[in-house]
Amino acid sequence: MPAITLLSIVTRLSLYQLAPVTLAVLVTGTVLIVVILTRLIKSVRHAGAEALREELSGRVFGSPGMVLAAVEKYGQGRAEAGARGEISTALLLELLLRIPGVTVYHGLQFPGNDDADVDHAVAFRNIVYLLDSKLYRWGQYEWSTTGEKDLIVRSDGYGRGTANWMHVAAHGYQRLLGPHVEIVPMVLIHGRKVSVGHRSVSSRGVHMLTAGEAMERIGNTIHGALEIGQDNPSVREALARKLKTA
């Protein structure tokens, strides 16, 4: 590399052996080369990012983090935490788009509740994952059931449980998409030192996993289905019609 050659020259020669003008030229040349290389690397990265966005256009729909619009309902802290969880999941879901035929949706209408939404959906042929993103503090989480509610609770009993209605969303989208489509409702948990206890599937069939575990399971399922079944454009079209716009 030219920059390395010039730097080695500068370091090997004594300052007393170089005229001030010569030293200035060498240093200036080195700095210019470093600046040029840095800009070149940035331009290559930018071009790569643009190419990736172009490649994925038409396969990602909606915007994550819409919960920020509900600050008055949930409060600033909860809304911001919810948005961070959704954005974190969205970044992970981009990895699945490397698999041909996968489409991703952010912010879908929640069946029967205009104020709520389904954070994300991943569709591949006749499989649809409905995803609820959570950002939690450290601890182990699992399911509990009280009456009509699925509750997310800490395994150590700390704090009150949080109601979760993803089973309702799953039933609604099952009716929309038909019995031939497999609907998998899932809660993804983000956070430092979080884990899921042994009650990882609710009594109503909602799965709970850490974000990393969820990505592995979804990826493995899709990979295993690559040679099975056919593309189903009607699923993509139905999900796209359910995107929330506000």
Protein backbone atom coordinates (compact mmCIF):
# COMPACT_ATOMS: atom_id res chain seq x y z
CA MET A 1 0.00 0.00 0.00
CA PRO A 2 1.38 3.52 -0.82
CA ALA A 3 0.35 4.90 2.56
CA ILE A 4 2.36 2.24 4.37
CA THR A 5 5.44 2.90 2.19
CA LEU A 6 5.39 6.61 2.88
CA LEU A 7 4.85 6.10 6.59
CA SER A 8 7.76 3.68 6.78
CA ILE A 9 9.98 6.20 5.03
CA VAL A 10 9.01 8.93 7.46
CA THR A 11 9.60 6.75 10.50
CA ARG A 12 12.92 5.31 9.32
CA LEU A 13 14.55 8.60 8.37
CA SER A 14 15.65 10.94 11.07
CA LEU A 15 14.00 14.33 11.17
CA TYR A 16 17.52 15.80 10.95
CA GLN A 17 18.16 13.95 7.67
CA LEU A 18 15.13 15.47 5.91
CA ALA A 19 14.74 19.04 4.82
CA PRO A 20 11.61 20.66 6.25
CA VAL A 21 10.02 20.96 2.79
CA THR A 22 10.66 17.28 1.99
CA LEU A 23 9.21 16.19 5.32
CA ALA A 24 6.13 18.34 4.77
CA VAL A 25 5.56 16.84 1.33
CA LEU A 26 5.83 13.29 2.67
CA VAL A 27 3.47 13.93 5.58
CA THR A 28 0.97 15.77 3.39
CA GLY A 29 1.06 13.00 0.80
CA THR A 30 0.47 10.37 3.46
CA VAL A 31 -2.50 12.26 4.88
CA LEU A 32 -4.04 12.73 1.43
CA ILE A 33 -3.69 9.03 0.63
CA VAL A 34 -5.35 8.07 3.93
CA VAL A 35 -8.22 10.49 3.24
CA ILE A 36 -8.68 9.15 -0.30
CA LEU A 37 -8.68 5.54 0.89
CA THR A 38 -11.19 6.34 3.66
CA ARG A 39 -13.53 8.02 1.22
CA LEU A 40 -13.17 5.14 -1.22
CA ILE A 41 -14.08 2.59 1.47
CA LYS A 42 -17.12 4.67 2.49
CA SER A 43 -18.28 4.99 -1.11
CA VAL A 44 -17.96 1.23 -1.65
CA ARG A 45 -19.96 0.55 1.53
CA HIS A 46 -22.60 3.07 0.49
CA ALA A 47 -22.88 1.51 -2.96
CA GLY A 48 -23.20 -1.92 -1.36
CA ALA A 49 -25.96 -0.68 0.95
CA GLU A 50 -27.80 0.90 -1.98
CA ALA A 51 -27.51 -2.32 -3.98
CA LEU A 52 -28.89 -4.31 -1.05
CA ARG A 53 -31.83 -1.93 -0.64
CA GLU A 54 -32.54 -2.20 -4.35
CA GLU A 55 -32.38 -5.99 -4.19
CA LEU A 56 -34.77 -6.13 -1.23
CA SER A 57 -37.26 -3.59 -2.57
CA GLY A 58 -40.68 -5.11 -2.88
CA ARG A 59 -39.98 -7.65 -0.15
CA VAL A 60 -40.14 -5.42 2.93
CA PHE A 61 -43.36 -3.58 3.74
CA GLY A 62 -44.25 -1.05 6.42
CA SER A 63 -42.07 0.62 9.04
CA PRO A 64 -41.03 -0.70 12.48
CA GLY A 65 -41.39 1.41 15.61
CA MET A 66 -44.93 2.67 15.03
CA VAL A 67 -45.59 2.30 18.75
CA LEU A 68 -43.94 5.71 19.19
CA ALA A 69 -47.15 7.20 17.85
CA ALA A 70 -48.93 5.88 20.95
CA VAL A 71 -46.86 7.74 23.56
CA GLU A 72 -49.97 9.19 25.20
CA LYS A 73 -51.44 5.71 25.65
CA TYR A 74 -48.36 3.80 26.83
CA GLY A 75 -46.14 6.53 28.24
CA GLN A 76 -42.78 7.75 26.97
CA GLY A 77 -40.68 4.98 28.56
CA ARG A 78 -42.81 2.05 27.40
CA ALA A 79 -43.27 3.49 23.92
CA GLU A 80 -39.52 4.04 23.46
CA ALA A 81 -38.72 0.55 24.76
CA GLY A 82 -41.32 -0.93 22.42
CA ALA A 83 -39.88 0.95 19.46
CA ARG A 84 -36.34 -0.23 20.25
CA GLY A 85 -37.58 -3.81 20.42
CA GLU A 86 -39.37 -3.50 17.07
CA ILE A 87 -36.39 -1.90 15.34
CA SER A 88 -34.05 -4.56 16.74
CA THR A 89 -36.31 -7.29 15.37
CA ALA A 90 -36.55 -5.54 12.00
CA LEU A 91 -32.77 -5.55 11.67
CA LEU A 92 -32.64 -9.27 12.43
CA LEU A 93 -35.40 -10.04 9.94
CA GLU A 94 -33.33 -8.50 7.16
CA LEU A 95 -31.11 -11.59 7.42
CA LEU A 96 -34.05 -13.78 6.40
CA LEU A 97 -34.47 -11.78 3.20
CA ARG A 98 -31.37 -13.47 1.84
CA ILE A 99 -33.63 -16.50 1.36
CA PRO A 100 -35.52 -16.17 -1.95
CA GLY A 101 -39.27 -15.91 -1.51
CA VAL A 102 -39.29 -14.49 2.03
CA THR A 103 -41.26 -11.28 2.62
CA VAL A 104 -41.34 -9.17 5.79
CA TYR A 105 -44.09 -6.86 7.08
CA HIS A 106 -43.93 -4.26 9.86
CA GLY A 107 -47.00 -2.84 11.59
CA LEU A 108 -50.01 -4.96 10.60
CA GLN A 109 -53.56 -4.31 11.74
CA PHE A 110 -54.58 -6.22 14.84
CA PRO A 111 -57.87 -8.07 14.31
CA GLY A 112 -60.73 -6.29 16.08
CA ASN A 113 -58.56 -3.57 17.67
CA ASP A 114 -57.73 -0.42 15.73
CA ASP A 115 -55.42 0.85 18.49
CA ALA A 116 -53.14 -2.20 18.48
CA ASP A 117 -50.97 -3.76 15.82
CA VAL A 118 -49.00 -6.90 15.05
CA ASP A 119 -45.38 -5.77 15.16
CA HIS A 120 -44.07 -7.97 12.33
CA ALA A 121 -44.92 -10.82 10.03
CA VAL A 122 -42.66 -13.11 8.02
CA ALA A 123 -44.22 -14.95 5.09
CA PHE A 124 -42.81 -17.82 3.07
CA ARG A 125 -45.12 -19.78 0.81
CA ASN A 126 -47.89 -21.10 3.12
CA ILE A 127 -46.11 -20.27 6.40
CA VAL A 128 -46.70 -16.98 8.22
CA TYR A 129 -44.99 -15.99 11.46
CA LEU A 130 -46.74 -13.27 13.45
CA LEU A 131 -44.19 -11.62 15.73
CA ASP A 132 -44.52 -9.50 18.85
CA SER A 133 -41.28 -7.73 19.88
CA LYS A 134 -40.46 -7.14 23.54
CA LEU A 135 -37.51 -5.38 25.16
CA TYR A 136 -37.16 -6.57 28.76
CA ARG A 137 -34.77 -6.19 31.64
CA TRP A 138 -32.65 -9.13 32.72
CA GLY A 139 -34.44 -12.21 33.94
CA GLN A 140 -36.15 -15.40 32.84
CA TYR A 141 -39.63 -15.12 31.34
CA GLU A 142 -42.35 -17.64 30.65
CA TRP A 143 -46.09 -18.03 30.17
CA SER A 144 -48.89 -18.07 32.70
CA THR A 145 -52.62 -18.23 31.98
CA THR A 146 -55.39 -16.34 33.74
CA GLY A 147 -58.90 -16.68 32.37
CA GLU A 148 -58.98 -15.33 28.83
CA LYS A 149 -55.45 -13.92 29.04
CA ASP A 150 -52.03 -15.23 28.23
CA LEU A 151 -49.61 -13.59 30.67
CA ILE A 152 -45.86 -13.07 30.30
CA VAL A 153 -44.34 -13.40 33.77
CA ARG A 154 -40.92 -13.48 35.37
CA SER A 155 -40.04 -17.01 36.44
CA ASP A 156 -38.94 -15.74 39.85
CA GLY A 157 -42.36 -14.15 40.43
CA TYR A 158 -41.02 -10.59 40.42
CA GLY A 159 -43.54 -7.97 39.30
CA ARG A 160 -46.92 -8.39 37.71
CA GLY A 161 -47.52 -10.35 34.55
CA THR A 162 -48.12 -8.63 31.22
CA ALA A 163 -51.17 -9.62 29.19
CA ASN A 164 -50.46 -10.78 25.66
CA TRP A 165 -53.05 -11.22 22.93
CA MET A 166 -51.08 -12.77 20.10
CA HIS A 167 -53.39 -15.80 20.13
CA VAL A 168 -56.22 -13.44 19.12
CA ALA A 169 -54.10 -12.09 16.27
CA ALA A 170 -53.32 -15.64 15.15
CA HIS A 171 -57.01 -16.58 15.02
CA GLY A 172 -57.85 -13.43 13.07
CA TYR A 173 -55.16 -13.97 10.47
CA GLN A 174 -56.01 -17.66 10.21
CA ARG A 175 -59.55 -16.66 9.21
CA LEU A 176 -58.15 -14.13 6.74
CA LEU A 177 -55.62 -16.42 5.05
CA GLY A 178 -57.51 -19.69 5.24
CA PRO A 179 -56.88 -23.13 6.77
CA HIS A 180 -54.20 -24.06 4.22
CA VAL A 181 -51.83 -21.42 5.66
CA GLU A 182 -49.86 -22.25 8.81
CA ILE A 183 -49.94 -19.32 11.26
CA VAL A 184 -47.25 -19.32 13.96
CA PRO A 185 -47.67 -16.62 16.66
CA MET A 186 -44.45 -15.78 18.48
CA VAL A 187 -43.12 -13.36 21.09
CA LEU A 188 -39.47 -12.31 20.62
CA ILE A 189 -37.65 -11.07 23.72
CA HIS A 190 -34.71 -8.68 23.42
CA GLY A 191 -32.52 -7.59 26.30
CA ARG A 192 -29.32 -8.28 28.16
CA LYS A 193 -29.24 -11.49 30.17
CA VAL A 194 -32.79 -12.51 29.26
CA SER A 195 -33.91 -16.09 28.82
CA VAL A 196 -37.12 -18.11 28.48
CA GLY A 197 -38.27 -20.65 31.06
CA HIS A 198 -39.70 -24.11 30.50
CA ARG A 199 -43.21 -22.76 29.86
CA SER A 200 -42.20 -21.39 26.48
CA VAL A 201 -45.51 -22.13 24.71
CA SER A 202 -48.71 -20.66 26.09
CA SER A 203 -51.85 -22.74 26.57
CA ARG A 204 -53.17 -21.03 23.42
CA GLY A 205 -50.18 -21.92 21.28
CA VAL A 206 -48.09 -18.73 21.33
CA HIS A 207 -44.34 -19.37 21.35
CA MET A 208 -41.93 -17.29 23.42
CA LEU A 209 -38.22 -17.18 22.54
CA THR A 210 -35.27 -14.88 22.87
CA ALA A 211 -34.65 -12.97 19.65
CA GLY A 212 -31.65 -15.13 18.72
CA GLU A 213 -33.53 -18.38 19.34
CA ALA A 214 -36.50 -17.13 17.33
CA MET A 215 -34.35 -16.22 14.35
CA GLU A 216 -32.70 -19.64 14.40
CA ARG A 217 -36.04 -21.44 14.56
CA ILE A 218 -37.64 -19.36 11.78
CA GLY A 219 -34.58 -19.70 9.57
CA ASN A 220 -34.39 -23.46 10.05
CA THR A 221 -38.09 -23.90 9.31
CA ILE A 222 -37.92 -21.84 6.13
CA HIS A 223 -34.76 -23.62 5.01
CA GLY A 224 -36.42 -26.97 5.56
CA ALA A 225 -39.42 -25.88 3.47
CA LEU A 226 -37.40 -24.65 0.48
CA GLU A 227 -38.10 -27.79 -1.52
CA ILE A 228 -41.68 -28.23 -0.30
CA GLY A 229 -44.79 -26.54 -1.65
CA GLN A 230 -45.19 -23.65 -4.05
CA ASP A 231 -45.18 -19.89 -3.94
CA ASN A 232 -48.44 -18.32 -2.73
CA PRO A 233 -48.84 -14.70 -3.93
CA SER A 234 -52.30 -14.44 -2.32
CA VAL A 235 -50.70 -14.60 1.14
CA ARG A 236 -48.39 -11.68 0.35
CA GLU A 237 -51.21 -9.64 -1.14
CA ALA A 238 -53.49 -10.22 1.86
CA LEU A 239 -50.79 -9.23 4.35
CA ALA A 240 -49.88 -6.10 2.37
CA ARG A 241 -53.53 -4.97 2.54
CA LYS A 242 -53.38 -5.21 6.34
CA LEU A 243 -50.49 -2.76 6.80
CA LYS A 244 -51.29 0.11 9.14
CA THR A 245 -50.67 3.54 7.68
CA ALA A 246 -50.85 5.53 10.92
